[in-house]
Structures are given as structure tokens and as C-alpha cells.
């Protein structure tokens, strides 16, 4: 059994428990997303011992040398003294300017920042209510009004999402952090084809990336967005995506349902399988993957096997 020290408190781990699980079990507020090592938003730093190499997979060399690691996939081999990165980063104030239902369990939340913002569409921020902190991807492009849009999936026992659904109202304040993440549109190679695959509210960053590519950068290459859900209730934003498809000849939208059905307007099957079956040679493509961790990790591997360069695969995995 090992001990984890965080903010001058020490906690004992349980058998086969990750560092993140230990901290969350002891009511420590740690930002996290996929819990599978893909999204990296739970990044921490070991202040004493070198962390296990397996917990640094996917991190840059510079991060590894500074003993950064992913607590969601780290089983401590020795006692560890750990800290969150950027602990001096200020929280920013915003005001809720819009809240509306996109589906039976997804809410569109729009915030207006009290000061100018620096972010890329598709990055994520941490939203904070009291001691509860959760990570959400930005679903809009930078704008002069300093607004941020999020797609919040409401979970039955979700502390933050239930607060958004039941208590948060237009005009109320909400805190957010600086923007993070590498899952965003990259300038250059405007002729390169783009493949966007998402499940559930993984559509949020993809929608931001899509609008950034089409509206801000006038991307000329073919863009294919595949959005998947088990049933029709999970395929929100259809009208907005169809409008974009009508305005841009190079954009193509395919909604997919994994549950059996006979509605001809939806592709039938798992979204990643449908997309990768349609485009089997991804050698010159840029690929964006957002949604459930299992789908993201599996599709990242398959896209690589079908020719996509790892440097051209951008992944953002968040658990529900």
C-alpha cells in the first residue's frame, strides 16, 4: 500500500487503485475527463519520485522530464507527492447568457467572459461551481463578444450537470479556467481532407473545429463529419449541420445510429466503423476523434493502421 500526498494531505491507496481514484475517493477536486489516459486533462506533476513510465504515455518529452504524469492510468509504485499543473492560474469570471435544451439530456450553455479570451475552437476549459470542477470542450469559434458555448450532457447523478440543469439560470455567474488541449483546427494545408468522428457530446469540439475550418479559414479540402449515437435522441444539432452542408459544398454530414432501426436518413451501425469503412486509405488525411474513450482509443489505432499519421490524429476523449 502506498501513500499519495496532495496539498498537504496524505491518502492511502487501495489495491489496484489509480492515483486519480485515490484522490477522488477522498473528495479531492481533480479535473478529469476520460479516465483512460487519452484526454490528458487530469495531468499532474510528481514533486519527488519519478512517476511510473506507463503513466507518461502520450506526454511530450519536456513534460516527462519534469515528472508530469496521468493519474488516471498511474498505479503508484512508491509514495508520491503530487500537484496540479498551473496551480497559480487564475479563475475567470463569466455570466450565463443562454441556456436551452438541445435534446432530452443535452443543454446548450453560453457564457460571456468578463475579459477578452484566448482560445482555439475545440479546446476545453474547466468550469467551476463551488468545489466541483468539470472539463467541457468549447463548441464555438473565437469572437469579439468574448462568448463561450458548451454542450452539457445531463447525468442523473452528475454533480455539475445537475447544477446546470436544475439551478443555473441566465444572468448568474460561473467561473472557468484558461483553455487547454491540442484538439483544434491547425492552419495550413487547406486542401487536406478532414475526417471528424464523434459520439454524443463529442460533437461539441467537432462543431467548433468545423466552423473554424469553414468560416474562419475557408478550408478547401473535403470535410466529412460522422456523428454517432445509440438512438435518435442523441443526434442533436442536425438542422445546424444540414445548414452548413447546404452552404459549403466540401462539407458532408453523416448521422449514425448504433441501435437497430429502419429510418433511412441515418446510417446504421457504429459511427467509427461506418466512417473507416467509407474511407479506408487515410494516408493524407487529418483525423479528429471526440467522444467516448473506448471509441476514441480504438479509432485512433484503426486510423493509424489505415494510413493516418499519428501526428495527424487529434483526439479528445471524455467519459459521461
Protein backbone atom coordinates (compact mmCIF):
# COMPACT_ATOMS: atom_id res chain seq x y z
CA UNK A 1 0.00 0.00 0.00
CA UNK A 2 1.33 3.44 -0.94
CA UNK A 3 0.54 6.98 0.18
CA UNK A 4 -0.37 9.94 -2.01
CA UNK A 5 0.30 13.45 -0.69
CA UNK A 6 -1.68 16.26 -2.29
CA UNK A 7 -1.99 19.83 -0.97
CA UNK A 8 -0.52 18.86 2.43
CA UNK A 9 -2.93 15.95 2.86
CA UNK A 10 -1.89 12.30 2.69
CA UNK A 11 -4.14 9.46 1.50
CA UNK A 12 -3.54 5.71 1.40
CA UNK A 13 -4.21 3.89 -1.86
CA UNK A 14 -6.29 0.75 -2.10
CA UNK A 15 -5.37 -2.38 -4.07
CA UNK A 16 -5.05 -1.72 -7.84
CA UNK A 17 -6.35 1.83 -7.36
CA UNK A 18 -5.04 4.64 -9.57
CA UNK A 19 -3.79 7.91 -8.14
CA UNK A 20 -6.86 9.67 -9.56
CA UNK A 21 -9.20 7.14 -7.94
CA UNK A 22 -7.46 7.61 -4.58
CA UNK A 23 -7.82 11.38 -4.73
CA UNK A 24 -11.44 11.34 -5.92
CA UNK A 25 -12.37 8.77 -3.27
CA UNK A 26 -11.06 11.22 -0.69
CA UNK A 27 -13.14 14.08 -2.11
CA UNK A 28 -10.26 15.94 -3.74
CA UNK A 29 -11.39 18.09 -6.67
CA UNK A 30 -9.23 17.00 -9.62
CA UNK A 31 -10.22 17.94 -13.19
CA UNK A 32 -10.63 14.79 -15.28
CA UNK A 33 -12.25 13.58 -18.45
CA UNK A 34 -11.85 10.13 -19.97
CA UNK A 35 -10.15 8.33 -17.04
CA UNK A 36 -8.27 6.34 -19.70
CA UNK A 37 -5.18 8.43 -20.46
CA UNK A 38 -6.48 9.89 -23.70
CA UNK A 39 -7.69 13.42 -22.93
CA UNK A 40 -4.82 14.36 -20.55
CA UNK A 41 -6.94 16.93 -18.70
CA UNK A 42 -6.12 15.30 -15.32
CA UNK A 43 -2.39 15.96 -15.85
CA UNK A 44 -0.40 16.17 -12.60
CA UNK A 45 3.24 16.53 -11.56
CA UNK A 46 5.18 14.33 -9.18
CA UNK A 47 7.16 16.57 -6.81
CA UNK A 48 9.52 13.89 -5.51
CA UNK A 49 9.73 10.47 -7.15
CA UNK A 50 9.86 9.80 -10.88
CA UNK A 51 6.38 8.54 -11.82
CA UNK A 52 5.90 5.13 -13.49
CA UNK A 53 6.76 5.26 -17.19
CA UNK A 54 3.38 3.76 -18.08
CA UNK A 55 1.68 6.85 -16.63
CA UNK A 56 3.58 9.16 -19.01
CA UNK A 57 2.48 7.56 -22.28
CA UNK A 58 1.46 10.21 -24.78
CA UNK A 59 3.13 13.10 -22.95
CA UNK A 60 5.74 15.28 -24.60
CA UNK A 61 9.42 14.68 -23.75
CA UNK A 62 9.59 18.03 -21.98
CA UNK A 63 6.66 17.04 -19.77
CA UNK A 64 8.14 13.66 -18.95
CA UNK A 65 11.44 15.25 -17.87
CA UNK A 66 9.52 17.47 -15.46
CA UNK A 67 7.83 14.39 -13.91
CA UNK A 68 4.39 15.12 -15.30
CA UNK A 69 2.11 12.08 -15.44
CA UNK A 70 -1.51 11.00 -15.94
CA UNK A 71 -3.01 9.98 -12.57
CA UNK A 72 -5.94 8.20 -14.23
CA UNK A 73 -3.58 5.48 -15.51
CA UNK A 74 -0.99 5.65 -12.72
CA UNK A 75 -0.83 2.95 -10.07
CA UNK A 76 1.72 4.29 -7.60
CA UNK A 77 4.76 2.06 -7.12
CA UNK A 78 6.08 4.24 -4.27
CA UNK A 79 4.77 7.04 -2.09
CA UNK A 80 4.13 10.14 -4.20
CA UNK A 81 3.83 13.87 -3.50
CA UNK A 82 1.76 15.28 -6.35
CA UNK A 83 0.39 18.62 -7.56
CA UNK A 84 -1.79 20.01 -10.30
CA UNK A 85 0.00 21.99 -13.03
CA UNK A 86 -0.63 25.73 -13.32
CA UNK A 87 -1.87 25.87 -9.74
CA UNK A 88 -1.38 29.64 -9.78
CA UNK A 89 -3.63 30.08 -12.81
CA UNK A 90 -6.48 32.42 -12.03
CA UNK A 91 -10.12 31.55 -12.45
CA UNK A 92 -12.01 33.88 -14.77
CA UNK A 93 -15.47 35.31 -14.24
CA UNK A 94 -18.31 34.90 -16.72
CA UNK A 95 -22.06 35.38 -16.89
CA UNK A 96 -24.58 32.89 -18.24
CA UNK A 97 -26.21 34.48 -21.30
CA UNK A 98 -28.10 31.49 -22.72
CA UNK A 99 -29.30 28.08 -21.57
CA UNK A 100 -31.54 25.86 -23.68
CA UNK A 101 -32.22 22.19 -24.33
CA UNK A 102 -30.64 20.66 -27.44
CA UNK A 103 -32.17 17.25 -26.71
CA UNK A 104 -33.75 15.39 -23.82
CA UNK A 105 -30.41 15.20 -21.99
CA UNK A 106 -28.11 17.81 -23.61
CA UNK A 107 -28.10 21.51 -22.70
CA UNK A 108 -26.52 24.34 -24.67
CA UNK A 109 -24.80 26.65 -22.18
CA UNK A 110 -23.39 30.00 -23.32
CA UNK A 111 -21.16 32.19 -21.18
CA UNK A 112 -19.92 35.74 -21.68
CA UNK A 113 -16.48 36.36 -20.24
CA UNK A 114 -15.75 39.50 -18.28
CA UNK A 115 -12.50 39.90 -20.22
CA UNK A 116 -11.04 39.02 -23.64
CA UNK A 117 -10.35 35.33 -24.27
CA UNK A 118 -7.56 33.43 -25.96
CA UNK A 119 -8.63 30.01 -27.21
CA UNK A 120 -8.94 27.75 -30.23
CA UNK A 121 -12.31 26.22 -31.14
CA UNK A 122 -12.26 22.63 -29.90
CA UNK A 123 -10.10 23.24 -26.83
CA UNK A 124 -11.56 22.63 -23.37
CA UNK A 125 -11.82 24.64 -20.17
CA UNK A 126 -12.62 23.69 -16.61
CA UNK A 127 -15.90 25.05 -15.27
CA UNK A 128 -16.19 25.52 -11.51
CA UNK A 129 -19.18 25.70 -9.19
CA UNK A 130 -18.03 25.84 -5.58
CA UNK A 131 -15.64 22.93 -5.14
CA UNK A 132 -16.97 20.98 -8.14
CA UNK A 133 -14.80 21.24 -11.27
CA UNK A 134 -15.53 19.61 -14.62
CA UNK A 135 -13.94 19.85 -18.08
CA UNK A 136 -16.01 20.80 -21.14
CA UNK A 137 -15.00 21.41 -24.75
CA UNK A 138 -15.64 24.76 -26.41
CA UNK A 139 -18.23 24.45 -29.19
CA UNK A 140 -17.81 27.86 -30.84
CA UNK A 141 -15.14 29.92 -32.58
CA UNK A 142 -13.36 32.92 -31.00
CA UNK A 143 -15.48 36.06 -31.21
CA UNK A 144 -15.43 39.75 -30.32
CA UNK A 145 -18.21 39.24 -27.74
CA UNK A 146 -15.96 37.01 -25.60
CA UNK A 147 -18.55 34.21 -25.58
CA UNK A 148 -18.08 30.50 -24.92
CA UNK A 149 -20.55 27.76 -25.84
CA UNK A 150 -20.73 24.27 -24.32
CA UNK A 151 -22.86 21.16 -24.81
CA UNK A 152 -23.59 19.81 -21.32
CA UNK A 153 -24.82 16.25 -21.09
CA UNK A 154 -27.07 15.95 -18.03
CA UNK A 155 -26.34 12.85 -15.98
CA UNK A 156 -28.75 11.51 -13.32
CA UNK A 157 -26.15 11.82 -10.55
CA UNK A 158 -23.81 14.34 -12.13
CA UNK A 159 -22.93 17.00 -9.55
CA UNK A 160 -22.09 19.69 -12.09
CA UNK A 161 -24.51 18.77 -14.87
CA UNK A 162 -27.43 18.56 -12.40
CA UNK A 163 -26.47 22.01 -11.11
CA UNK A 164 -26.59 23.31 -14.70
CA UNK A 165 -29.94 21.66 -15.36
CA UNK A 166 -31.69 22.44 -12.08
CA UNK A 167 -30.17 25.62 -10.65
CA UNK A 168 -28.08 27.62 -13.11
CA UNK A 169 -30.00 30.48 -14.72
CA UNK A 170 -29.32 33.22 -17.26
CA UNK A 171 -27.60 36.13 -15.53
CA UNK A 172 -25.85 34.01 -12.91
CA UNK A 173 -22.01 34.00 -12.62
CA UNK A 174 -19.82 30.98 -13.41
CA UNK A 175 -16.05 30.56 -13.22
CA UNK A 176 -13.86 29.00 -15.88
CA UNK A 177 -10.16 28.30 -16.41
CA UNK A 178 -7.82 29.06 -19.30
CA UNK A 179 -8.28 26.97 -22.44
CA UNK A 180 -6.27 23.77 -22.86
CA UNK A 181 -5.84 20.93 -25.34
CA UNK A 182 -4.46 20.24 -28.79
CA UNK A 183 -7.70 19.11 -30.45
CA UNK A 184 -8.33 22.13 -32.67
CA UNK A 185 -8.03 23.24 -36.30
CA UNK A 186 -4.47 23.71 -37.48
CA UNK A 187 -3.74 26.37 -40.09
CA UNK A 188 -2.06 25.39 -43.34
CA UNK A 189 -2.76 22.55 -45.75
CA UNK A 190 -6.18 23.98 -46.59
CA UNK A 191 -6.57 21.32 -49.32
CA UNK A 192 -6.10 18.42 -46.88
CA UNK A 193 -9.20 16.23 -46.36
CA UNK A 194 -10.54 16.20 -42.80
CA UNK A 195 -12.32 13.29 -41.11
CA UNK A 196 -14.28 14.14 -37.94
CA UNK A 197 -15.76 11.29 -35.87
CA UNK A 198 -17.69 11.86 -32.66
CA UNK A 199 -20.17 10.31 -30.28
CA UNK A 200 -22.65 12.09 -28.03
CA UNK A 201 -21.48 15.50 -26.83
CA UNK A 202 -18.17 14.77 -28.52
CA UNK A 203 -19.92 16.76 -31.22
CA UNK A 204 -19.19 19.97 -29.27
CA UNK A 205 -15.46 20.30 -30.09
CA UNK A 206 -16.03 18.90 -33.59
CA UNK A 207 -18.66 21.55 -34.29
CA UNK A 208 -16.28 24.27 -33.14
CA UNK A 209 -13.46 22.85 -35.29
CA UNK A 210 -15.80 22.54 -38.25
CA UNK A 211 -16.99 26.15 -38.03
CA UNK A 212 -13.42 27.35 -37.57
CA UNK A 213 -12.26 25.45 -40.67
CA UNK A 214 -15.16 26.58 -42.88
CA UNK A 215 -15.94 30.09 -41.63
CA UNK A 216 -12.57 31.40 -40.40
CA UNK A 217 -10.05 29.59 -42.57
CA UNK A 218 -12.06 28.85 -45.72
CA UNK A 219 -10.81 25.26 -45.76
CA UNK A 220 -10.90 23.91 -49.32
CA UNK A 221 -10.40 20.20 -48.76
CA UNK A 222 -13.24 17.73 -48.27
CA UNK A 223 -14.59 17.60 -44.70
CA UNK A 224 -16.60 14.60 -43.52
CA UNK A 225 -18.31 14.63 -40.12
CA UNK A 226 -19.73 11.39 -38.70
CA UNK A 227 -21.78 11.82 -35.51
CA UNK A 228 -22.98 8.71 -33.72
CA UNK A 229 -25.47 7.81 -31.02
CA UNK A 230 -27.32 4.73 -29.87
CA UNK A 231 -30.72 6.25 -30.60
CA UNK A 232 -32.17 9.29 -32.33
CA UNK A 233 -32.35 11.38 -29.14
CA UNK A 234 -28.56 11.62 -29.10
CA UNK A 235 -28.29 13.17 -32.56
CA UNK A 236 -28.84 16.82 -31.74
CA UNK A 237 -27.78 19.84 -33.87
CA UNK A 238 -28.96 18.14 -37.06
CA UNK A 239 -30.53 21.28 -38.51
CA UNK A 240 -27.41 23.37 -37.91
CA UNK A 241 -25.21 20.76 -39.55
CA UNK A 242 -27.54 20.39 -42.54
CA UNK A 243 -27.43 24.18 -42.99
CA UNK A 244 -23.63 24.11 -43.02
CA UNK A 245 -23.77 21.26 -45.53
CA UNK A 246 -26.03 23.32 -47.78
CA UNK A 247 -23.73 26.36 -47.60
CA UNK A 248 -20.43 24.51 -48.14
CA UNK A 249 -20.10 22.03 -51.00
CA UNK A 250 -17.00 20.47 -49.44
CA UNK A 251 -18.71 19.57 -46.15
CA UNK A 252 -20.58 16.28 -45.69
CA UNK A 253 -22.54 15.22 -42.59
CA UNK A 254 -23.45 11.62 -41.73
CA UNK A 255 -25.56 10.93 -38.61
CA UNK A 256 -25.27 7.32 -37.40
CA UNK A 257 -27.35 5.13 -35.10
CA UNK A 258 -25.89 2.03 -33.48
CA UNK A 259 -29.28 0.65 -32.37
CA UNK A 260 -31.32 -1.23 -34.93
CA UNK A 261 -33.81 0.88 -36.86
CA UNK A 262 -35.17 1.50 -40.30
CA UNK A 263 -35.02 5.30 -40.63
CA UNK A 264 -33.30 5.84 -43.96
CA UNK A 265 -31.94 9.27 -43.05
CA UNK A 266 -29.48 7.66 -40.59
CA UNK A 267 -26.57 5.36 -41.31
CA UNK A 268 -26.97 2.13 -39.34
CA UNK A 269 -24.06 0.92 -37.22
CA UNK A 270 -21.23 2.17 -35.02
CA UNK A 271 -20.04 5.57 -36.13
CA UNK A 272 -16.31 4.73 -36.29
CA UNK A 273 -16.91 1.55 -38.26
CA UNK A 274 -19.09 3.39 -40.77
CA UNK A 275 -16.53 6.17 -41.23
CA UNK A 276 -13.49 3.94 -41.53
CA UNK A 277 -15.28 1.60 -43.92
CA UNK A 278 -16.06 4.52 -46.21
CA UNK A 279 -12.52 5.91 -46.10
CA UNK A 280 -10.06 3.04 -45.92
CA UNK A 281 -6.95 4.92 -47.02
CA UNK A 282 -6.24 7.81 -44.64
CA UNK A 283 -2.63 8.42 -45.62
CA UNK A 284 -3.14 12.11 -46.49
CA UNK A 285 -5.98 12.86 -44.07
CA UNK A 286 -6.21 14.84 -40.85
CA UNK A 287 -8.41 12.99 -38.34
CA UNK A 288 -10.32 14.36 -35.33
CA UNK A 289 -11.84 11.96 -32.77
CA UNK A 290 -14.06 13.08 -29.89
CA UNK A 291 -16.37 11.25 -27.52
CA UNK A 292 -16.38 8.04 -25.54
CA UNK A 293 -12.84 6.90 -24.55
CA UNK A 294 -13.25 3.38 -25.91
CA UNK A 295 -14.33 4.68 -29.32
CA UNK A 296 -11.57 7.29 -29.43
CA UNK A 297 -8.77 4.89 -28.47
CA UNK A 298 -9.98 2.15 -30.83
CA UNK A 299 -10.47 4.53 -33.74
CA UNK A 300 -7.09 6.18 -33.21
CA UNK A 301 -5.45 2.78 -33.57
CA UNK A 302 -7.52 1.79 -36.60
CA UNK A 303 -6.99 5.15 -38.34
CA UNK A 304 -3.25 4.68 -37.91
CA UNK A 305 -3.46 1.18 -39.39
CA UNK A 306 -5.35 2.67 -42.33
CA UNK A 307 -2.54 5.08 -43.11
CA UNK A 308 -3.13 8.18 -40.95
CA UNK A 309 0.00 9.64 -39.38
CA UNK A 310 -0.12 9.81 -35.58
CA UNK A 311 0.83 13.48 -35.91
CA UNK A 312 -2.34 14.00 -37.98
CA UNK A 313 -4.71 12.36 -35.47
CA UNK A 314 -6.22 14.72 -32.90
CA UNK A 315 -8.14 13.04 -30.10
CA UNK A 316 -10.37 14.32 -27.31
CA UNK A 317 -11.92 11.65 -25.09
CA UNK A 318 -14.39 12.40 -22.33
CA UNK A 319 -16.39 9.99 -20.26
CA UNK A 320 -20.02 10.59 -19.44
